[in-house]
PDB file of all heavy atoms in Angstrom:
ATOM      1  N   ILE A   1      11.298  69.509 -11.977  1.00  0.00           N
ATOM      2  CA  ILE A   1      10.792  69.958 -13.274  1.00  0.00           C
ATOM      3  C   ILE A   1       9.260  69.975 -13.392  1.00  0.00           C
ATOM      4  O   ILE A   1       8.699  70.965 -13.888  1.00  0.00           O
ATOM      5  CB  ILE A   1      11.410  69.112 -14.407  1.00  0.00           C
ATOM      6  CG1 ILE A   1      12.910  69.401 -14.520  1.00  0.00           C
ATOM      7  CG2 ILE A   1      10.720  69.368 -15.741  1.00  0.00           C
ATOM      8  CD1 ILE A   1      13.657  68.466 -15.474  1.00  0.00           C
ATOM      9  N   PRO A   2       8.528  68.925 -12.976  1.00  0.00           N
ATOM     10  CA  PRO A   2       7.083  68.923 -13.238  1.00  0.00           C
ATOM     11  C   PRO A   2       6.303  70.053 -12.575  1.00  0.00           C
ATOM     12  O   PRO A   2       5.189  70.369 -12.999  1.00  0.00           O
ATOM     13  CB  PRO A   2       6.634  67.555 -12.693  1.00  0.00           C
ATOM     14  CG  PRO A   2       7.854  66.715 -12.708  1.00  0.00           C
ATOM     15  CD  PRO A   2       8.970  67.648 -12.381  1.00  0.00           C
ATOM     16  N   TYR A   3       6.858  70.658 -11.539  1.00  0.00           N
ATOM     17  CA  TYR A   3       6.101  71.624 -10.755  1.00  0.00           C
ATOM     18  C   TYR A   3       6.577  73.061 -10.956  1.00  0.00           C
ATOM     19  O   TYR A   3       6.150  73.973 -10.250  1.00  0.00           O
ATOM     20  CB  TYR A   3       6.168  71.243  -9.265  1.00  0.00           C
ATOM     21  CG  TYR A   3       5.709  69.830  -9.036  1.00  0.00           C
ATOM     22  CD1 TYR A   3       6.644  68.789  -8.934  1.00  0.00           C
ATOM     23  CD2 TYR A   3       4.356  69.516  -8.985  1.00  0.00           C
ATOM     24  CE1 TYR A   3       6.216  67.480  -8.769  1.00  0.00           C
ATOM     25  CE2 TYR A   3       3.925  68.207  -8.803  1.00  0.00           C
ATOM     26  CZ  TYR A   3       4.863  67.195  -8.700  1.00  0.00           C
ATOM     27  OH  TYR A   3       4.447  65.893  -8.547  1.00  0.00           O
ATOM     28  N   ILE A   4       7.448  73.274 -11.955  1.00  0.00           N
ATOM     29  CA  ILE A   4       7.989  74.615 -12.200  1.00  0.00           C
ATOM     30  C   ILE A   4       6.884  75.606 -12.543  1.00  0.00           C
ATOM     31  O   ILE A   4       6.839  76.726 -12.007  1.00  0.00           O
ATOM     32  CB  ILE A   4       9.047  74.570 -13.317  1.00  0.00           C
ATOM     33  CG1 ILE A   4      10.331  73.930 -12.808  1.00  0.00           C
ATOM     34  CG2 ILE A   4       9.331  75.965 -13.845  1.00  0.00           C
ATOM     35  CD1 ILE A   4      11.397  73.769 -13.878  1.00  0.00           C
ATOM     36  N   THR A   5       5.975  75.223 -13.424  1.00  0.00           N
ATOM     37  CA  THR A   5       4.939  76.161 -13.874  1.00  0.00           C
ATOM     38  C   THR A   5       3.972  76.498 -12.739  1.00  0.00           C
ATOM     39  O   THR A   5       3.605  77.667 -12.555  1.00  0.00           O
ATOM     40  CB  THR A   5       4.157  75.561 -15.059  1.00  0.00           C
ATOM     41  OG1 THR A   5       5.074  75.316 -16.129  1.00  0.00           O
ATOM     42  CG2 THR A   5       3.092  76.544 -15.541  1.00  0.00           C
ATOM     43  N   VAL A   6       3.571  75.477 -11.980  1.00  0.00           N
ATOM     44  CA  VAL A   6       2.661  75.712 -10.844  1.00  0.00           C
ATOM     45  C   VAL A   6       3.318  76.653  -9.843  1.00  0.00           C
ATOM     46  O   VAL A   6       2.688  77.588  -9.323  1.00  0.00           O
ATOM     47  CB  VAL A   6       2.270  74.376 -10.177  1.00  0.00           C
ATOM     48  CG1 VAL A   6       1.417  74.626  -8.942  1.00  0.00           C
ATOM     49  CG2 VAL A   6       1.521  73.481 -11.169  1.00  0.00           C
ATOM     50  N   TYR A   7       4.613  76.435  -9.553  1.00  0.00           N
ATOM     51  CA  TYR A   7       5.340  77.283  -8.621  1.00  0.00           C
ATOM     52  C   TYR A   7       5.471  78.707  -9.161  1.00  0.00           C
ATOM     53  O   TYR A   7       5.308  79.692  -8.416  1.00  0.00           O
ATOM     54  CB  TYR A   7       6.717  76.684  -8.353  1.00  0.00           C
ATOM     55  CG  TYR A   7       7.518  77.401  -7.295  1.00  0.00           C
ATOM     56  CD1 TYR A   7       7.245  77.221  -5.939  1.00  0.00           C
ATOM     57  CD2 TYR A   7       8.559  78.270  -7.632  1.00  0.00           C
ATOM     58  CE1 TYR A   7       7.979  77.873  -4.949  1.00  0.00           C
ATOM     59  CE2 TYR A   7       9.292  78.927  -6.666  1.00  0.00           C
ATOM     60  CZ  TYR A   7       8.998  78.728  -5.332  1.00  0.00           C
ATOM     61  OH  TYR A   7       9.733  79.372  -4.358  1.00  0.00           O
ATOM     62  N   ALA A   8       5.768  78.828 -10.476  1.00  0.00           N
ATOM     63  CA  ALA A   8       5.930  80.152 -11.078  1.00  0.00           C
ATOM     64  C   ALA A   8       4.643  80.971 -10.984  1.00  0.00           C
ATOM     65  O   ALA A   8       4.671  82.163 -10.671  1.00  0.00           O
ATOM     66  CB  ALA A   8       6.359  80.005 -12.539  1.00  0.00           C
ATOM     67  N   VAL A   9       3.521  80.340 -11.235  1.00  0.00           N
ATOM     68  CA  VAL A   9       2.237  81.048 -11.222  1.00  0.00           C
ATOM     69  C   VAL A   9       1.807  81.364  -9.794  1.00  0.00           C
ATOM     70  O   VAL A   9       1.412  82.492  -9.474  1.00  0.00           O
ATOM     71  CB  VAL A   9       1.163  80.216 -11.949  1.00  0.00           C
ATOM     72  CG1 VAL A   9      -0.226  80.834 -11.764  1.00  0.00           C
ATOM     73  CG2 VAL A   9       1.491  80.101 -13.431  1.00  0.00           C
ATOM     74  N   ASN A  10       1.886  80.373  -8.913  1.00  0.00           N
ATOM     75  CA  ASN A  10       1.317  80.519  -7.563  1.00  0.00           C
ATOM     76  C   ASN A  10       2.232  81.234  -6.581  1.00  0.00           C
ATOM     77  O   ASN A  10       1.744  81.894  -5.653  1.00  0.00           O
ATOM     78  CB  ASN A  10       0.963  79.143  -6.998  1.00  0.00           C
ATOM     79  CG  ASN A  10      -0.180  78.478  -7.741  1.00  0.00           C
ATOM     80  OD1 ASN A  10      -0.282  78.613  -8.947  1.00  0.00           O
ATOM     81  ND2 ASN A  10      -1.046  77.785  -7.040  1.00  0.00           N
ATOM     82  N   ASN A  11       3.545  81.110  -6.730  1.00  0.00           N
ATOM     83  CA  ASN A  11       4.470  81.686  -5.741  1.00  0.00           C
ATOM     84  C   ASN A  11       5.269  82.867  -6.282  1.00  0.00           C
ATOM     85  O   ASN A  11       5.471  83.855  -5.576  1.00  0.00           O
ATOM     86  CB  ASN A  11       5.451  80.617  -5.245  1.00  0.00           C
ATOM     87  CG  ASN A  11       4.795  79.588  -4.362  1.00  0.00           C
ATOM     88  OD1 ASN A  11       3.781  79.009  -4.711  1.00  0.00           O
ATOM     89  ND2 ASN A  11       5.388  79.322  -3.191  1.00  0.00           N
ATOM     90  N   VAL A  12       5.746  82.735  -7.517  1.00  0.00           N
ATOM     91  CA  VAL A  12       6.609  83.788  -8.076  1.00  0.00           C
ATOM     92  C   VAL A  12       5.762  84.953  -8.593  1.00  0.00           C
ATOM     93  O   VAL A  12       6.238  86.083  -8.686  1.00  0.00           O
ATOM     94  CB  VAL A  12       7.525  83.212  -9.169  1.00  0.00           C
ATOM     95  CG1 VAL A  12       8.479  84.271  -9.704  1.00  0.00           C
ATOM     96  CG2 VAL A  12       8.321  82.034  -8.623  1.00  0.00           C
ATOM     97  N   GLY A  13       4.506  84.663  -8.923  1.00  0.00           N
ATOM     98  CA  GLY A  13       3.616  85.720  -9.389  1.00  0.00           C
ATOM     99  C   GLY A  13       3.642  85.934 -10.889  1.00  0.00           C
ATOM    100  O   GLY A  13       3.275  87.015 -11.369  1.00  0.00           O
ATOM    101  N   ILE A  14       4.063  84.908 -11.651  1.00  0.00           N
ATOM    102  CA  ILE A  14       4.090  85.018 -13.107  1.00  0.00           C
ATOM    103  C   ILE A  14       2.682  84.825 -13.645  1.00  0.00           C
ATOM    104  O   ILE A  14       1.968  83.890 -13.260  1.00  0.00           O
ATOM    105  CB  ILE A  14       5.037  83.968 -13.718  1.00  0.00           C
ATOM    106  CG1 ILE A  14       6.440  84.096 -13.118  1.00  0.00           C
ATOM    107  CG2 ILE A  14       5.085  84.091 -15.234  1.00  0.00           C
ATOM    108  CD1 ILE A  14       7.088  85.440 -13.309  1.00  0.00           C
ATOM    109  N   ASP A  15       2.256  85.719 -14.531  1.00  0.00           N
ATOM    110  CA  ASP A  15       0.941  85.600 -15.145  1.00  0.00           C
ATOM    111  C   ASP A  15       0.914  84.348 -16.031  1.00  0.00           C
ATOM    112  O   ASP A  15       1.859  84.095 -16.784  1.00  0.00           O
ATOM    113  CB  ASP A  15       0.674  86.837 -16.012  1.00  0.00           C
ATOM    114  CG  ASP A  15      -0.767  86.883 -16.506  1.00  0.00           C
ATOM    115  OD1 ASP A  15      -1.145  86.032 -17.333  1.00  0.00           O
ATOM    116  OD2 ASP A  15      -1.506  87.791 -16.070  1.00  0.00           O
ATOM    117  N   PRO A  16      -0.163  83.535 -15.939  1.00  0.00           N
ATOM    118  CA  PRO A  16      -0.244  82.313 -16.766  1.00  0.00           C
ATOM    119  C   PRO A  16      -0.040  82.591 -18.262  1.00  0.00           C
ATOM    120  O   PRO A  16       0.502  81.738 -18.981  1.00  0.00           O
ATOM    121  CB  PRO A  16      -1.660  81.791 -16.490  1.00  0.00           C
ATOM    122  CG  PRO A  16      -1.973  82.295 -15.115  1.00  0.00           C
ATOM    123  CD  PRO A  16      -1.312  83.644 -15.023  1.00  0.00           C
ATOM    124  N   HIS A  17      -0.457  83.775 -18.728  1.00  0.00           N
ATOM    125  CA  HIS A  17      -0.296  84.092 -20.150  1.00  0.00           C
ATOM    126  C   HIS A  17       1.156  84.413 -20.515  1.00  0.00           C
ATOM    127  O   HIS A  17       1.502  84.471 -21.698  1.00  0.00           O
ATOM    128  CB  HIS A  17      -1.189  85.275 -20.539  1.00  0.00           C
ATOM    129  CG  HIS A  17      -2.648  84.941 -20.528  1.00  0.00           C
ATOM    130  ND1 HIS A  17      -3.441  85.102 -19.411  1.00  0.00           N
ATOM    131  CD2 HIS A  17      -3.447  84.405 -21.482  1.00  0.00           C
ATOM    132  CE1 HIS A  17      -4.684  84.700 -19.688  1.00  0.00           C
ATOM    133  NE2 HIS A  17      -4.710  84.278 -20.931  1.00  0.00           N
ATOM    134  N   ASP A  18       2.018  84.607 -19.486  1.00  0.00           N
ATOM    135  CA  ASP A  18       3.447  84.836 -19.731  1.00  0.00           C
ATOM    136  C   ASP A  18       4.269  83.554 -19.696  1.00  0.00           C
ATOM    137  O   ASP A  18       5.475  83.591 -20.004  1.00  0.00           O
ATOM    138  CB  ASP A  18       4.014  85.826 -18.686  1.00  0.00           C
ATOM    139  CG  ASP A  18       3.518  87.249 -18.899  1.00  0.00           C
ATOM    140  OD1 ASP A  18       3.215  87.578 -20.067  1.00  0.00           O
ATOM    141  OD2 ASP A  18       3.424  88.003 -17.918  1.00  0.00           O
ATOM    142  N   ILE A  19       3.655  82.438 -19.310  1.00  0.00           N
ATOM    143  CA  ILE A  19       4.381  81.176 -19.217  1.00  0.00           C
ATOM    144  C   ILE A  19       5.006  80.769 -20.559  1.00  0.00           C
ATOM    145  O   ILE A  19       6.146  80.265 -20.585  1.00  0.00           O
ATOM    146  CB  ILE A  19       3.459  80.048 -18.689  1.00  0.00           C
ATOM    147  CG1 ILE A  19       3.110  80.310 -17.204  1.00  0.00           C
ATOM    148  CG2 ILE A  19       4.122  78.679 -18.828  1.00  0.00           C
ATOM    149  CD1 ILE A  19       4.306  80.335 -16.278  1.00  0.00           C
ATOM    150  N   PRO A  20       4.351  80.984 -21.717  1.00  0.00           N
ATOM    151  CA  PRO A  20       5.026  80.647 -22.980  1.00  0.00           C
ATOM    152  C   PRO A  20       6.369  81.337 -23.165  1.00  0.00           C
ATOM    153  O   PRO A  20       7.289  80.768 -23.767  1.00  0.00           O
ATOM    154  CB  PRO A  20       4.016  81.114 -24.033  1.00  0.00           C
ATOM    155  CG  PRO A  20       2.687  80.992 -23.367  1.00  0.00           C
ATOM    156  CD  PRO A  20       2.942  81.376 -21.937  1.00  0.00           C
ATOM    157  N   PHE A  21       6.523  82.580 -22.623  1.00  0.00           N
ATOM    158  CA  PHE A  21       7.800  83.271 -22.746  1.00  0.00           C
ATOM    159  C   PHE A  21       8.902  82.544 -21.956  1.00  0.00           C
ATOM    160  O   PHE A  21      10.069  82.565 -22.341  1.00  0.00           O
ATOM    161  CB  PHE A  21       7.675  84.718 -22.242  1.00  0.00           C
ATOM    162  CG  PHE A  21       6.776  85.559 -23.087  1.00  0.00           C
ATOM    163  CD1 PHE A  21       5.567  86.028 -22.590  1.00  0.00           C
ATOM    164  CD2 PHE A  21       7.126  85.891 -24.386  1.00  0.00           C
ATOM    165  CE1 PHE A  21       4.724  86.808 -23.366  1.00  0.00           C
ATOM    166  CE2 PHE A  21       6.297  86.674 -25.171  1.00  0.00           C
ATOM    167  CZ  PHE A  21       5.082  87.133 -24.666  1.00  0.00           C
ATOM    168  N   VAL A  22       8.513  81.918 -20.843  1.00  0.00           N
ATOM    169  CA  VAL A  22       9.475  81.151 -20.032  1.00  0.00           C
ATOM    170  C   VAL A  22      10.055  80.020 -20.860  1.00  0.00           C
ATOM    171  O   VAL A  22      11.271  79.802 -20.911  1.00  0.00           O
ATOM    172  CB  VAL A  22       8.796  80.616 -18.758  1.00  0.00           C
ATOM    173  CG1 VAL A  22       9.757  79.720 -17.980  1.00  0.00           C
ATOM    174  CG2 VAL A  22       8.324  81.771 -17.878  1.00  0.00           C
ATOM    175  N   TYR A  23       9.188  79.278 -21.531  1.00  0.00           N
ATOM    176  CA  TYR A  23       9.638  78.142 -22.332  1.00  0.00           C
ATOM    177  C   TYR A  23      10.317  78.597 -23.623  1.00  0.00           C
ATOM    178  O   TYR A  23      11.236  77.923 -24.109  1.00  0.00           O
ATOM    179  CB  TYR A  23       8.464  77.201 -22.612  1.00  0.00           C
ATOM    180  CG  TYR A  23       8.065  76.424 -21.384  1.00  0.00           C
ATOM    181  CD1 TYR A  23       7.137  76.928 -20.480  1.00  0.00           C
ATOM    182  CD2 TYR A  23       8.664  75.200 -21.098  1.00  0.00           C
ATOM    183  CE1 TYR A  23       6.791  76.227 -19.338  1.00  0.00           C
ATOM    184  CE2 TYR A  23       8.335  74.498 -19.954  1.00  0.00           C
ATOM    185  CZ  TYR A  23       7.394  75.006 -19.077  1.00  0.00           C
ATOM    186  OH  TYR A  23       7.076  74.315 -17.945  1.00  0.00           O
ATOM    187  N   LEU A  24       9.871  79.707 -24.161  1.00  0.00           N
ATOM    188  CA  LEU A  24      10.509  80.250 -25.363  1.00  0.00           C
ATOM    189  C   LEU A  24      11.951  80.636 -25.087  1.00  0.00           C
ATOM    190  O   LEU A  24      12.873  80.281 -25.850  1.00  0.00           O
ATOM    191  CB  LEU A  24       9.722  81.460 -25.860  1.00  0.00           C
ATOM    192  CG  LEU A  24      10.183  82.079 -27.188  1.00  0.00           C
ATOM    193  CD1 LEU A  24       9.968  81.103 -28.331  1.00  0.00           C
ATOM    194  CD2 LEU A  24       9.421  83.383 -27.443  1.00  0.00           C
ATOM    195  N   ALA A  25      12.183  81.349 -23.984  1.00  0.00           N
ATOM    196  CA  ALA A  25      13.544  81.764 -23.621  1.00  0.00           C
ATOM    197  C   ALA A  25      14.414  80.557 -23.291  1.00  0.00           C
ATOM    198  O   ALA A  25      15.562  80.460 -23.750  1.00  0.00           O
ATOM    199  CB  ALA A  25      13.493  82.733 -22.432  1.00  0.00           C
ATOM    200  N   GLY A  26      13.870  79.631 -22.496  1.00  0.00           N
ATOM    201  CA  GLY A  26      14.636  78.447 -22.138  1.00  0.00           C
ATOM    202  C   GLY A  26      14.964  77.585 -23.337  1.00  0.00           C
ATOM    203  O   GLY A  26      16.079  77.079 -23.479  1.00  0.00           O
ATOM    204  N   GLY A  27      13.997  77.422 -24.220  1.00  0.00           N
ATOM    205  CA  GLY A  27      14.221  76.593 -25.409  1.00  0.00           C
ATOM    206  C   GLY A  27      15.230  77.201 -26.358  1.00  0.00           C
ATOM    207  O   GLY A  27      16.082  76.501 -26.902  1.00  0.00           O
TER     208      GLY A  27
END
């Protein structure tokens, strides 16, 4: 869990400004 965001940005190619959508959908 603690490294999901770092992995998403650095490896998956998710834009940092799109990270809130990840948590919005999951929540």
